[in-house]
Amino acid sequence: MRLEQISSDRESELGDLIHFEDGVEWLLRSPSNEYGAVSCRKTNAKLLESEAVTLKYIRTHSSIPVPEVFDYR
């Protein structure tokens, strides 16, 4: 297993890409703002839940390729 930190032009899109030996990759995301991680646990949980539910909905109701959500708690 290898861990790679990733980022984008948007500070809210930070995460860690986990590479497994069998070629599978997982993206571990945590909501953040311009100051770093969102400090309010309740807000953080709601943001993750919203993103996970949205991805699951798109995956189920369209042909748009989106990542599979395994867990968000």
N, C-alpha and C. Protein backbone atom coordinates (compact mmCIF):
# COMPACT_ATOMS: atom_id res chain seq x y z
N MET A 1 0.85 -1.17 0.00
CA MET A 1 0.00 0.00 0.00
C MET A 1 0.89 1.23 0.00
N ARG A 2 0.50 2.23 -0.80
CA ARG A 2 1.24 3.48 -0.87
C ARG A 2 0.25 4.62 -0.72
N LEU A 3 0.60 5.66 0.04
CA LEU A 3 -0.26 6.82 0.29
C LEU A 3 0.32 8.02 -0.42
N GLU A 4 -0.53 8.76 -1.16
CA GLU A 4 -0.09 9.93 -1.90
C GLU A 4 -1.04 11.09 -1.58
N GLN A 5 -0.51 12.21 -1.12
CA GLN A 5 -1.34 13.39 -0.86
C GLN A 5 -1.62 14.08 -2.18
N ILE A 6 -2.87 14.51 -2.36
CA ILE A 6 -3.24 15.21 -3.58
C ILE A 6 -3.92 16.53 -3.23
N SER A 7 -3.92 17.44 -4.17
CA SER A 7 -4.61 18.71 -3.99
C SER A 7 -5.02 19.23 -5.36
N SER A 8 -5.79 20.28 -5.37
CA SER A 8 -6.22 20.91 -6.61
C SER A 8 -6.13 22.41 -6.44
N ASP A 9 -6.56 23.12 -7.46
CA ASP A 9 -6.56 24.58 -7.38
C ASP A 9 -7.53 25.08 -6.32
N ARG A 10 -8.50 24.26 -5.99
CA ARG A 10 -9.48 24.63 -4.97
C ARG A 10 -9.06 24.02 -3.65
N GLU A 11 -8.92 24.85 -2.64
CA GLU A 11 -8.48 24.38 -1.32
C GLU A 11 -9.44 23.35 -0.73
N SER A 12 -10.71 23.37 -1.16
CA SER A 12 -11.68 22.44 -0.58
C SER A 12 -11.53 21.03 -1.13
N GLU A 13 -10.66 20.85 -2.12
CA GLU A 13 -10.49 19.54 -2.73
C GLU A 13 -9.12 18.97 -2.40
N LEU A 14 -8.95 18.60 -1.16
CA LEU A 14 -7.72 17.97 -0.70
C LEU A 14 -8.04 16.54 -0.34
N GLY A 15 -7.05 15.68 -0.42
CA GLY A 15 -7.30 14.30 -0.04
C GLY A 15 -6.04 13.48 -0.10
N ASP A 16 -6.21 12.22 0.16
CA ASP A 16 -5.12 11.25 0.09
C ASP A 16 -5.55 10.14 -0.85
N LEU A 17 -4.70 9.81 -1.79
CA LEU A 17 -4.94 8.72 -2.71
C LEU A 17 -4.20 7.50 -2.18
N ILE A 18 -4.92 6.42 -1.94
CA ILE A 18 -4.34 5.20 -1.39
C ILE A 18 -4.22 4.20 -2.54
N HIS A 19 -3.00 3.77 -2.82
CA HIS A 19 -2.72 2.80 -3.88
C HIS A 19 -2.50 1.43 -3.24
N PHE A 20 -3.31 0.45 -3.63
CA PHE A 20 -3.15 -0.91 -3.12
C PHE A 20 -2.33 -1.73 -4.11
N GLU A 21 -1.72 -2.79 -3.62
CA GLU A 21 -0.84 -3.62 -4.44
C GLU A 21 -1.55 -4.27 -5.62
N ASP A 22 -2.87 -4.47 -5.51
CA ASP A 22 -3.62 -5.11 -6.59
C ASP A 22 -4.09 -4.12 -7.66
N GLY A 23 -3.64 -2.85 -7.56
CA GLY A 23 -3.98 -1.84 -8.55
C GLY A 23 -5.20 -1.00 -8.19
N VAL A 24 -5.91 -1.37 -7.15
CA VAL A 24 -7.08 -0.60 -6.70
C VAL A 24 -6.60 0.69 -6.05
N GLU A 25 -7.32 1.77 -6.31
CA GLU A 25 -7.01 3.06 -5.69
C GLU A 25 -8.25 3.58 -4.97
N TRP A 26 -8.04 4.11 -3.79
CA TRP A 26 -9.12 4.75 -3.04
C TRP A 26 -8.74 6.19 -2.80
N LEU A 27 -9.73 7.08 -2.84
CA LEU A 27 -9.53 8.48 -2.52
C LEU A 27 -10.14 8.75 -1.16
N LEU A 28 -9.34 9.22 -0.24
CA LEU A 28 -9.80 9.58 1.11
C LEU A 28 -9.91 11.09 1.16
N ARG A 29 -11.14 11.59 1.35
CA ARG A 29 -11.36 13.03 1.35
C ARG A 29 -11.86 13.49 2.71
N SER A 30 -11.52 14.73 3.03
CA SER A 30 -12.02 15.36 4.24
C SER A 30 -12.31 16.82 3.90
N PRO A 31 -13.50 17.31 4.23
CA PRO A 31 -13.83 18.70 3.90
C PRO A 31 -12.83 19.67 4.54
N SER A 32 -12.51 20.71 3.79
CA SER A 32 -11.60 21.73 4.31
C SER A 32 -12.01 23.08 3.75
N ASN A 33 -11.44 24.11 4.34
CA ASN A 33 -11.64 25.47 3.84
C ASN A 33 -10.28 26.13 3.70
N GLU A 34 -10.24 27.43 3.48
CA GLU A 34 -8.96 28.10 3.27
C GLU A 34 -8.04 28.06 4.49
N TYR A 35 -8.55 27.69 5.63
CA TYR A 35 -7.75 27.61 6.86
C TYR A 35 -7.35 26.19 7.21
N GLY A 36 -7.75 25.23 6.41
CA GLY A 36 -7.44 23.83 6.70
C GLY A 36 -8.70 23.03 6.91
N ALA A 37 -8.63 22.01 7.72
CA ALA A 37 -9.77 21.13 7.95
C ALA A 37 -10.91 21.88 8.64
N VAL A 38 -12.14 21.52 8.30
CA VAL A 38 -13.31 22.10 8.94
C VAL A 38 -13.31 21.62 10.39
N SER A 39 -13.31 22.55 11.32
CA SER A 39 -13.14 22.17 12.73
C SER A 39 -14.42 21.70 13.41
N CYS A 40 -15.57 22.04 12.88
CA CYS A 40 -16.84 21.63 13.49
C CYS A 40 -17.19 20.21 13.03
N ARG A 41 -17.21 19.27 13.97
CA ARG A 41 -17.46 17.87 13.62
C ARG A 41 -18.83 17.68 12.98
N LYS A 42 -19.83 18.41 13.46
CA LYS A 42 -21.18 18.27 12.92
C LYS A 42 -21.22 18.76 11.47
N THR A 43 -20.59 19.90 11.19
CA THR A 43 -20.54 20.43 9.82
C THR A 43 -19.76 19.48 8.93
N ASN A 44 -18.64 18.99 9.41
CA ASN A 44 -17.82 18.05 8.67
C ASN A 44 -18.63 16.81 8.29
N ALA A 45 -19.37 16.26 9.24
CA ALA A 45 -20.19 15.07 8.98
C ALA A 45 -21.27 15.36 7.94
N LYS A 46 -21.90 16.51 8.03
CA LYS A 46 -22.95 16.88 7.06
C LYS A 46 -22.38 17.06 5.66
N LEU A 47 -21.20 17.68 5.55
CA LEU A 47 -20.56 17.85 4.24
C LEU A 47 -20.23 16.51 3.61
N LEU A 48 -19.64 15.61 4.38
CA LEU A 48 -19.30 14.29 3.85
C LEU A 48 -20.55 13.51 3.46
N GLU A 49 -21.57 13.57 4.30
CA GLU A 49 -22.81 12.86 3.99
C GLU A 49 -23.44 13.39 2.70
N SER A 50 -23.46 14.71 2.55
CA SER A 50 -24.03 15.32 1.36
C SER A 50 -23.30 14.89 0.09
N GLU A 51 -21.98 14.89 0.15
CA GLU A 51 -21.20 14.49 -1.02
C GLU A 51 -21.40 13.00 -1.32
N ALA A 52 -21.40 12.16 -0.30
CA ALA A 52 -21.58 10.73 -0.51
C ALA A 52 -22.95 10.41 -1.10
N VAL A 53 -23.99 11.01 -0.56
CA VAL A 53 -25.35 10.77 -1.04
C VAL A 53 -25.50 11.26 -2.49
N THR A 54 -24.89 12.40 -2.80
CA THR A 54 -24.95 12.93 -4.16
C THR A 54 -24.26 11.98 -5.14
N LEU A 55 -23.07 11.50 -4.78
CA LEU A 55 -22.36 10.56 -5.66
C LEU A 55 -23.15 9.26 -5.85
N LYS A 56 -23.74 8.75 -4.78
CA LYS A 56 -24.54 7.53 -4.89
C LYS A 56 -25.76 7.74 -5.77
N TYR A 57 -26.40 8.89 -5.65
CA TYR A 57 -27.58 9.21 -6.47
C TYR A 57 -27.20 9.26 -7.95
N ILE A 58 -26.13 9.99 -8.26
CA ILE A 58 -25.68 10.12 -9.65
C ILE A 58 -25.31 8.75 -10.21
N ARG A 59 -24.62 7.93 -9.43
CA ARG A 59 -24.20 6.60 -9.88
C ARG A 59 -25.42 5.72 -10.19
N THR A 60 -26.47 5.85 -9.37
CA THR A 60 -27.67 5.02 -9.53
C THR A 60 -28.58 5.50 -10.65
N HIS A 61 -28.69 6.81 -10.85
CA HIS A 61 -29.69 7.37 -11.75
C HIS A 61 -29.15 7.96 -13.05
N SER A 62 -27.89 7.71 -13.37
CA SER A 62 -27.35 8.23 -14.62
C SER A 62 -26.23 7.32 -15.11
N SER A 63 -25.70 7.67 -16.26
CA SER A 63 -24.55 6.91 -16.80
C SER A 63 -23.25 7.70 -16.62
N ILE A 64 -23.30 8.77 -15.85
CA ILE A 64 -22.10 9.58 -15.58
C ILE A 64 -21.17 8.77 -14.67
N PRO A 65 -19.93 8.59 -15.09
CA PRO A 65 -19.00 7.84 -14.22
C PRO A 65 -18.59 8.65 -12.99
N VAL A 66 -18.85 8.11 -11.83
CA VAL A 66 -18.46 8.75 -10.57
C VAL A 66 -17.82 7.69 -9.68
N PRO A 67 -17.00 8.10 -8.73
CA PRO A 67 -16.38 7.13 -7.82
C PRO A 67 -17.44 6.41 -6.99
N GLU A 68 -17.16 5.16 -6.65
CA GLU A 68 -18.05 4.42 -5.76
C GLU A 68 -17.75 4.80 -4.33
N VAL A 69 -18.79 5.10 -3.56
CA VAL A 69 -18.63 5.46 -2.15
C VAL A 69 -18.76 4.19 -1.31
N PHE A 70 -17.74 3.87 -0.54
CA PHE A 70 -17.78 2.69 0.32
C PHE A 70 -18.27 3.04 1.72
N ASP A 71 -17.87 4.20 2.22
CA ASP A 71 -18.28 4.63 3.55
C ASP A 71 -18.00 6.12 3.68
N TYR A 72 -18.74 6.79 4.52
CA TYR A 72 -18.50 8.23 4.73
C TYR A 72 -18.63 8.62 6.20
N ARG A 73 -18.63 7.67 7.10
CA ARG A 73 -18.74 7.99 8.52
C ARG A 73 -17.40 8.00 9.18
